Amino acid sequence: MLTGVLALIGGVVVVHLLGARPPAWYPPCWFHRATGLHCPGCGTGRAVHALAQGDLALACDQNLLAVAMLPVLAGWAAVVARRMWRGAAFSASLPGGWAGVVLVAVVVFTLLRNLPWWPFLLLAPE
């Protein structure tokens, strides 16, 4: 678990140092390139970079779903850590019906961010 936390912190530091714009450090989205539509991950790298810079508003502008899922990710990590602390084997499964909630959120976000009208245009990354 400590290794995962250290990897996460290291990843945020690397994103902070390398920059927010392609080709700075990540390849462009193949789905966006092929279809012109935004996948649920489009803008996540820029959102992480904005968070590493301390700019929550810009992070939300780049990928609101990625920022909104941070508390879910933290809760999931806490559940996994608690299970392991109690001696259970590692399991990455989400508790209860959370997997379905996350799936529905991703699908709805993807559909809404590709609608060509205001206010849905605000969900697309710049």
N, C-alpha and C. Protein backbone atom coordinates (compact mmCIF):
# COMPACT_ATOMS: atom_id res chain seq x y z
N MET A 1 0.83 -1.19 0.00
CA MET A 1 0.00 0.00 0.00
C MET A 1 0.87 1.26 0.00
N LEU A 2 1.92 1.23 0.82
CA LEU A 2 2.83 2.36 0.86
C LEU A 2 3.48 2.59 -0.50
N THR A 3 3.78 1.51 -1.18
CA THR A 3 4.37 1.62 -2.52
C THR A 3 3.40 2.34 -3.47
N GLY A 4 2.13 2.01 -3.37
CA GLY A 4 1.12 2.66 -4.21
C GLY A 4 1.01 4.15 -3.92
N VAL A 5 1.03 4.51 -2.65
CA VAL A 5 0.96 5.93 -2.27
C VAL A 5 2.19 6.67 -2.77
N LEU A 6 3.35 6.07 -2.61
CA LEU A 6 4.58 6.71 -3.09
C LEU A 6 4.59 6.84 -4.61
N ALA A 7 4.07 5.83 -5.30
CA ALA A 7 3.98 5.90 -6.77
C ALA A 7 3.04 7.02 -7.19
N LEU A 8 1.92 7.17 -6.49
CA LEU A 8 0.97 8.23 -6.80
C LEU A 8 1.60 9.61 -6.59
N ILE A 9 2.27 9.79 -5.48
CA ILE A 9 2.94 11.06 -5.20
C ILE A 9 4.02 11.33 -6.24
N GLY A 10 4.79 10.30 -6.57
CA GLY A 10 5.82 10.46 -7.60
C GLY A 10 5.23 10.82 -8.95
N GLY A 11 4.12 10.20 -9.29
CA GLY A 11 3.45 10.51 -10.56
C GLY A 11 2.98 11.95 -10.61
N VAL A 12 2.41 12.45 -9.53
CA VAL A 12 1.96 13.85 -9.49
C VAL A 12 3.14 14.80 -9.62
N VAL A 13 4.25 14.47 -8.97
CA VAL A 13 5.45 15.32 -9.07
C VAL A 13 5.96 15.33 -10.51
N VAL A 14 5.99 14.17 -11.15
CA VAL A 14 6.45 14.10 -12.54
C VAL A 14 5.55 14.91 -13.45
N VAL A 15 4.23 14.79 -13.28
CA VAL A 15 3.28 15.56 -14.09
C VAL A 15 3.49 17.05 -13.85
N HIS A 16 3.71 17.42 -12.61
CA HIS A 16 3.94 18.83 -12.28
C HIS A 16 5.17 19.37 -13.01
N LEU A 17 6.21 18.57 -13.06
CA LEU A 17 7.47 19.03 -13.65
C LEU A 17 7.47 19.00 -15.18
N LEU A 18 6.75 18.05 -15.77
CA LEU A 18 6.83 17.87 -17.22
C LEU A 18 5.91 18.77 -18.02
N GLY A 19 4.86 19.27 -17.45
CA GLY A 19 4.02 20.20 -18.17
C GLY A 19 2.68 19.61 -18.55
N ALA A 20 1.82 20.47 -19.09
CA ALA A 20 0.42 20.11 -19.31
C ALA A 20 0.06 19.87 -20.76
N ARG A 21 0.88 20.24 -21.69
CA ARG A 21 0.48 20.20 -23.10
C ARG A 21 1.22 19.13 -23.89
N PRO A 22 0.51 18.42 -24.76
CA PRO A 22 1.22 17.50 -25.66
C PRO A 22 2.09 18.32 -26.60
N PRO A 23 3.16 17.82 -27.07
CA PRO A 23 3.73 16.51 -26.82
C PRO A 23 4.63 16.48 -25.60
N ALA A 24 4.31 17.30 -24.62
CA ALA A 24 5.16 17.42 -23.44
C ALA A 24 5.49 16.07 -22.84
N TRP A 25 4.49 15.20 -22.64
CA TRP A 25 4.81 13.95 -21.96
C TRP A 25 3.83 12.82 -22.21
N TYR A 26 2.77 13.07 -22.93
CA TYR A 26 1.83 11.99 -23.18
C TYR A 26 1.31 12.05 -24.61
N PRO A 27 0.92 10.92 -25.15
CA PRO A 27 0.43 10.91 -26.52
C PRO A 27 -0.98 11.48 -26.61
N PRO A 28 -1.35 12.01 -27.78
CA PRO A 28 -2.72 12.50 -27.94
C PRO A 28 -3.71 11.34 -27.91
N CYS A 29 -4.94 11.64 -27.60
CA CYS A 29 -5.99 10.62 -27.50
C CYS A 29 -6.32 10.06 -28.88
N TRP A 30 -6.16 8.75 -29.04
CA TRP A 30 -6.45 8.11 -30.33
C TRP A 30 -7.94 8.14 -30.63
N PHE A 31 -8.78 8.05 -29.60
CA PHE A 31 -10.23 8.08 -29.80
C PHE A 31 -10.66 9.45 -30.33
N HIS A 32 -10.13 10.51 -29.74
CA HIS A 32 -10.46 11.87 -30.19
C HIS A 32 -9.93 12.11 -31.60
N ARG A 33 -8.75 11.62 -31.86
CA ARG A 33 -8.16 11.79 -33.19
C ARG A 33 -8.99 11.07 -34.25
N ALA A 34 -9.49 9.87 -33.93
CA ALA A 34 -10.25 9.07 -34.90
C ALA A 34 -11.68 9.56 -35.09
N THR A 35 -12.31 10.04 -34.01
CA THR A 35 -13.74 10.37 -34.08
C THR A 35 -14.06 11.84 -33.93
N GLY A 36 -13.16 12.60 -33.35
CA GLY A 36 -13.45 14.00 -33.05
C GLY A 36 -14.23 14.16 -31.75
N LEU A 37 -14.57 13.05 -31.11
CA LEU A 37 -15.29 13.07 -29.84
C LEU A 37 -14.32 12.99 -28.67
N HIS A 38 -14.78 13.45 -27.51
CA HIS A 38 -13.94 13.40 -26.32
C HIS A 38 -14.27 12.14 -25.52
N CYS A 39 -13.25 11.35 -25.22
CA CYS A 39 -13.44 10.16 -24.38
C CYS A 39 -13.50 10.63 -22.93
N PRO A 40 -13.86 9.76 -21.99
CA PRO A 40 -13.92 10.19 -20.59
C PRO A 40 -12.56 10.58 -20.03
N GLY A 41 -11.48 10.16 -20.67
CA GLY A 41 -10.15 10.49 -20.18
C GLY A 41 -9.55 11.73 -20.79
N CYS A 42 -10.14 12.25 -21.86
CA CYS A 42 -9.58 13.44 -22.51
C CYS A 42 -9.47 14.60 -21.51
N GLY A 43 -8.30 15.16 -21.40
CA GLY A 43 -8.06 16.27 -20.49
C GLY A 43 -7.60 15.85 -19.11
N THR A 44 -7.52 14.55 -18.85
CA THR A 44 -7.14 14.10 -17.51
C THR A 44 -5.69 14.47 -17.19
N GLY A 45 -4.80 14.34 -18.14
CA GLY A 45 -3.40 14.72 -17.91
C GLY A 45 -3.29 16.20 -17.57
N ARG A 46 -4.02 17.03 -18.31
CA ARG A 46 -3.99 18.47 -18.02
C ARG A 46 -4.66 18.77 -16.68
N ALA A 47 -5.70 17.98 -16.33
CA ALA A 47 -6.36 18.17 -15.03
C ALA A 47 -5.41 17.81 -13.89
N VAL A 48 -4.68 16.72 -14.04
CA VAL A 48 -3.72 16.32 -13.01
C VAL A 48 -2.62 17.37 -12.89
N HIS A 49 -2.18 17.90 -14.02
CA HIS A 49 -1.17 18.95 -13.99
C HIS A 49 -1.70 20.18 -13.27
N ALA A 50 -2.94 20.56 -13.56
CA ALA A 50 -3.53 21.72 -12.89
C ALA A 50 -3.65 21.48 -11.39
N LEU A 51 -4.04 20.27 -11.00
CA LEU A 51 -4.11 19.96 -9.57
C LEU A 51 -2.73 20.02 -8.92
N ALA A 52 -1.72 19.53 -9.64
CA ALA A 52 -0.35 19.59 -9.11
C ALA A 52 0.12 21.03 -8.96
N GLN A 53 -0.44 21.92 -9.76
CA GLN A 53 -0.12 23.35 -9.67
C GLN A 53 -0.98 24.05 -8.62
N GLY A 54 -2.00 23.33 -8.11
CA GLY A 54 -2.89 23.92 -7.12
C GLY A 54 -4.07 24.67 -7.71
N ASP A 55 -4.35 24.46 -9.00
CA ASP A 55 -5.43 25.18 -9.68
C ASP A 55 -6.64 24.26 -9.86
N LEU A 56 -7.51 24.22 -8.87
CA LEU A 56 -8.68 23.34 -8.90
C LEU A 56 -9.66 23.75 -10.00
N ALA A 57 -9.84 25.05 -10.22
CA ALA A 57 -10.78 25.50 -11.25
C ALA A 57 -10.35 25.04 -12.64
N LEU A 58 -9.07 25.17 -12.95
CA LEU A 58 -8.58 24.72 -14.25
C LEU A 58 -8.68 23.21 -14.38
N ALA A 59 -8.40 22.50 -13.29
CA ALA A 59 -8.52 21.04 -13.31
C ALA A 59 -9.95 20.63 -13.62
N CYS A 60 -10.92 21.27 -13.00
CA CYS A 60 -12.34 20.97 -13.26
C CYS A 60 -12.70 21.32 -14.70
N ASP A 61 -12.10 22.37 -15.24
CA ASP A 61 -12.37 22.76 -16.62
C ASP A 61 -11.83 21.73 -17.61
N GLN A 62 -10.73 21.09 -17.28
CA GLN A 62 -10.11 20.12 -18.18
C GLN A 62 -10.81 18.76 -18.15
N ASN A 63 -11.13 18.26 -16.96
CA ASN A 63 -11.85 16.99 -16.85
C ASN A 63 -12.54 16.94 -15.50
N LEU A 64 -13.79 17.35 -15.49
CA LEU A 64 -14.56 17.40 -14.26
C LEU A 64 -14.73 16.02 -13.64
N LEU A 65 -14.89 15.00 -14.46
CA LEU A 65 -15.08 13.65 -13.94
C LEU A 65 -13.84 13.17 -13.19
N ALA A 66 -12.67 13.42 -13.73
CA ALA A 66 -11.43 12.99 -13.07
C ALA A 66 -11.30 13.65 -11.70
N VAL A 67 -11.64 14.91 -11.61
CA VAL A 67 -11.55 15.62 -10.33
C VAL A 67 -12.64 15.12 -9.38
N ALA A 68 -13.84 14.90 -9.89
CA ALA A 68 -14.95 14.44 -9.05
C ALA A 68 -14.72 13.02 -8.55
N MET A 69 -13.98 12.22 -9.29
CA MET A 69 -13.73 10.84 -8.88
C MET A 69 -12.61 10.73 -7.83
N LEU A 70 -11.90 11.80 -7.54
CA LEU A 70 -10.83 11.73 -6.55
C LEU A 70 -11.34 11.29 -5.17
N PRO A 71 -12.47 11.81 -4.68
CA PRO A 71 -12.96 11.29 -3.39
C PRO A 71 -13.35 9.81 -3.46
N VAL A 72 -13.89 9.36 -4.58
CA VAL A 72 -14.23 7.94 -4.75
C VAL A 72 -12.95 7.11 -4.71
N LEU A 73 -11.92 7.58 -5.42
CA LEU A 73 -10.64 6.88 -5.42
C LEU A 73 -10.03 6.83 -4.02
N ALA A 74 -10.12 7.93 -3.30
CA ALA A 74 -9.58 7.96 -1.93
C ALA A 74 -10.35 7.01 -1.03
N GLY A 75 -11.67 6.98 -1.17
CA GLY A 75 -12.47 6.05 -0.38
C GLY A 75 -12.16 4.61 -0.70
N TRP A 76 -12.00 4.32 -1.98
CA TRP A 76 -11.65 2.96 -2.41
C TRP A 76 -10.29 2.56 -1.82
N ALA A 77 -9.34 3.47 -1.89
CA ALA A 77 -8.01 3.17 -1.35
C ALA A 77 -8.08 2.94 0.16
N ALA A 78 -8.93 3.69 0.86
CA ALA A 78 -9.08 3.50 2.30
C ALA A 78 -9.69 2.13 2.61
N VAL A 79 -10.68 1.71 1.80
CA VAL A 79 -11.29 0.40 2.01
C VAL A 79 -10.26 -0.72 1.77
N VAL A 80 -9.49 -0.59 0.70
CA VAL A 80 -8.46 -1.60 0.41
C VAL A 80 -7.42 -1.64 1.53
N ALA A 81 -7.00 -0.46 2.00
CA ALA A 81 -6.01 -0.40 3.08
C ALA A 81 -6.58 -1.04 4.35
N ARG A 82 -7.83 -0.77 4.65
CA ARG A 82 -8.46 -1.36 5.84
C ARG A 82 -8.54 -2.88 5.74
N ARG A 83 -8.91 -3.37 4.55
CA ARG A 83 -8.96 -4.83 4.35
C ARG A 83 -7.59 -5.46 4.57
N MET A 84 -6.58 -4.82 3.99
CA MET A 84 -5.22 -5.37 4.11
C MET A 84 -4.71 -5.26 5.55
N TRP A 85 -5.06 -4.19 6.25
CA TRP A 85 -4.66 -4.01 7.64
C TRP A 85 -5.21 -5.12 8.51
N ARG A 86 -6.41 -5.57 8.17
CA ARG A 86 -7.06 -6.64 8.93
C ARG A 86 -6.59 -8.03 8.50
N GLY A 87 -5.66 -8.07 7.57
CA GLY A 87 -5.06 -9.34 7.18
C GLY A 87 -5.69 -10.00 5.97
N ALA A 88 -6.65 -9.36 5.33
CA ALA A 88 -7.28 -9.94 4.14
C ALA A 88 -6.33 -9.82 2.96
N ALA A 89 -6.52 -10.67 1.99
CA ALA A 89 -5.72 -10.59 0.76
C ALA A 89 -6.13 -9.35 -0.03
N PHE A 90 -5.20 -8.83 -0.83
CA PHE A 90 -5.49 -7.66 -1.63
C PHE A 90 -6.63 -7.95 -2.60
N SER A 91 -7.58 -7.05 -2.65
CA SER A 91 -8.69 -7.13 -3.59
C SER A 91 -8.99 -5.73 -4.07
N ALA A 92 -8.97 -5.54 -5.38
CA ALA A 92 -9.21 -4.22 -5.95
C ALA A 92 -10.69 -3.96 -6.22
N SER A 93 -11.57 -4.87 -5.82
CA SER A 93 -12.99 -4.69 -6.09
C SER A 93 -13.55 -3.53 -5.27
N LEU A 94 -14.48 -2.81 -5.88
CA LEU A 94 -15.15 -1.73 -5.18
C LEU A 94 -16.24 -2.30 -4.29
N PRO A 95 -16.45 -1.70 -3.13
CA PRO A 95 -17.48 -2.23 -2.23
C PRO A 95 -18.89 -1.95 -2.75
N GLY A 96 -19.79 -2.86 -2.42
CA GLY A 96 -21.20 -2.67 -2.75
C GLY A 96 -21.45 -2.48 -4.24
N GLY A 97 -22.30 -1.54 -4.56
CA GLY A 97 -22.65 -1.27 -5.94
C GLY A 97 -21.87 -0.13 -6.56
N TRP A 98 -20.71 0.20 -5.98
CA TRP A 98 -19.94 1.35 -6.47
C TRP A 98 -19.42 1.17 -7.89
N ALA A 99 -19.14 -0.05 -8.29
CA ALA A 99 -18.64 -0.26 -9.66
C ALA A 99 -19.70 0.19 -10.66
N GLY A 100 -20.95 -0.13 -10.40
CA GLY A 100 -22.04 0.29 -11.28
C GLY A 100 -22.20 1.80 -11.29
N VAL A 101 -22.08 2.42 -10.13
CA VAL A 101 -22.19 3.88 -10.04
C VAL A 101 -21.09 4.55 -10.85
N VAL A 102 -19.88 4.05 -10.73
CA VAL A 102 -18.75 4.61 -11.47
C VAL A 102 -18.96 4.42 -12.97
N LEU A 103 -19.40 3.25 -13.39
CA LEU A 103 -19.65 2.98 -14.80
C LEU A 103 -20.71 3.91 -15.37
N VAL A 104 -21.81 4.08 -14.65
CA VAL A 104 -22.88 4.97 -15.11
C VAL A 104 -22.36 6.41 -15.19
N ALA A 105 -21.60 6.84 -14.20
CA ALA A 105 -21.05 8.20 -14.20
C ALA A 105 -20.14 8.43 -15.41
N VAL A 106 -19.31 7.45 -15.73
CA VAL A 106 -18.40 7.57 -16.87
C VAL A 106 -19.18 7.65 -18.18
N VAL A 107 -20.18 6.79 -18.34
CA VAL A 107 -20.97 6.78 -19.58
C VAL A 107 -21.75 8.09 -19.73
N VAL A 108 -22.42 8.53 -18.67
CA VAL A 108 -23.20 9.77 -18.75
C VAL A 108 -22.29 10.96 -19.02
N PHE A 109 -21.16 11.02 -18.33
CA PHE A 109 -20.22 12.12 -18.55
C PHE A 109 -19.73 12.14 -20.00
N THR A 110 -19.42 10.98 -20.53
CA THR A 110 -18.94 10.89 -21.92
C THR A 110 -20.00 11.38 -22.89
N LEU A 111 -21.23 10.97 -22.68
CA LEU A 111 -22.31 11.41 -23.57
C LEU A 111 -22.53 12.92 -23.46
N LEU A 112 -22.59 13.43 -22.26
CA LEU A 112 -22.87 14.85 -22.06
C LEU A 112 -21.74 15.74 -22.58
N ARG A 113 -20.49 15.34 -22.39
CA ARG A 113 -19.39 16.21 -22.80
C ARG A 113 -19.24 16.29 -24.31
N ASN A 114 -19.94 15.43 -25.04
CA ASN A 114 -19.87 15.47 -26.50
C ASN A 114 -21.09 16.11 -27.14
N LEU A 115 -22.03 16.60 -26.33
CA LEU A 115 -23.17 17.32 -26.89
C LEU A 115 -22.72 18.72 -27.30
N PRO A 116 -23.16 19.19 -28.47
CA PRO A 116 -22.64 20.46 -29.00
C PRO A 116 -23.37 21.71 -28.51
N TRP A 117 -24.01 21.68 -27.37
CA TRP A 117 -24.75 22.83 -26.88
C TRP A 117 -24.25 23.25 -25.50
N TRP A 118 -24.46 24.54 -25.22
CA TRP A 118 -24.19 25.03 -23.89
C TRP A 118 -25.27 24.46 -22.98
N PRO A 119 -25.02 24.02 -21.78
CA PRO A 119 -23.81 24.11 -20.98
C PRO A 119 -22.90 22.90 -21.13
N PHE A 120 -23.27 21.95 -22.01
CA PHE A 120 -22.48 20.73 -22.15
C PHE A 120 -21.11 21.01 -22.77
N LEU A 121 -21.01 22.08 -23.54
CA LEU A 121 -19.72 22.46 -24.11
C LEU A 121 -18.69 22.74 -23.02
N LEU A 122 -19.16 23.11 -21.84
CA LEU A 122 -18.25 23.40 -20.74
C LEU A 122 -17.56 22.14 -20.22
N LEU A 123 -18.11 20.97 -20.53
CA LEU A 123 -17.52 19.71 -20.07
C LEU A 123 -16.36 19.24 -20.95
N ALA A 124 -16.26 19.77 -22.16
CA ALA A 124 -15.19 19.37 -23.08
C ALA A 124 -13.91 20.10 -22.70
N PRO A 125 -12.77 19.41 -22.79
CA PRO A 125 -11.50 20.09 -22.48
C PRO A 125 -11.18 21.11 -23.56
N GLU A 126 -10.37 22.08 -23.21
CA GLU A 126 -10.04 23.14 -24.18
C GLU A 126 -9.23 22.66 -25.33
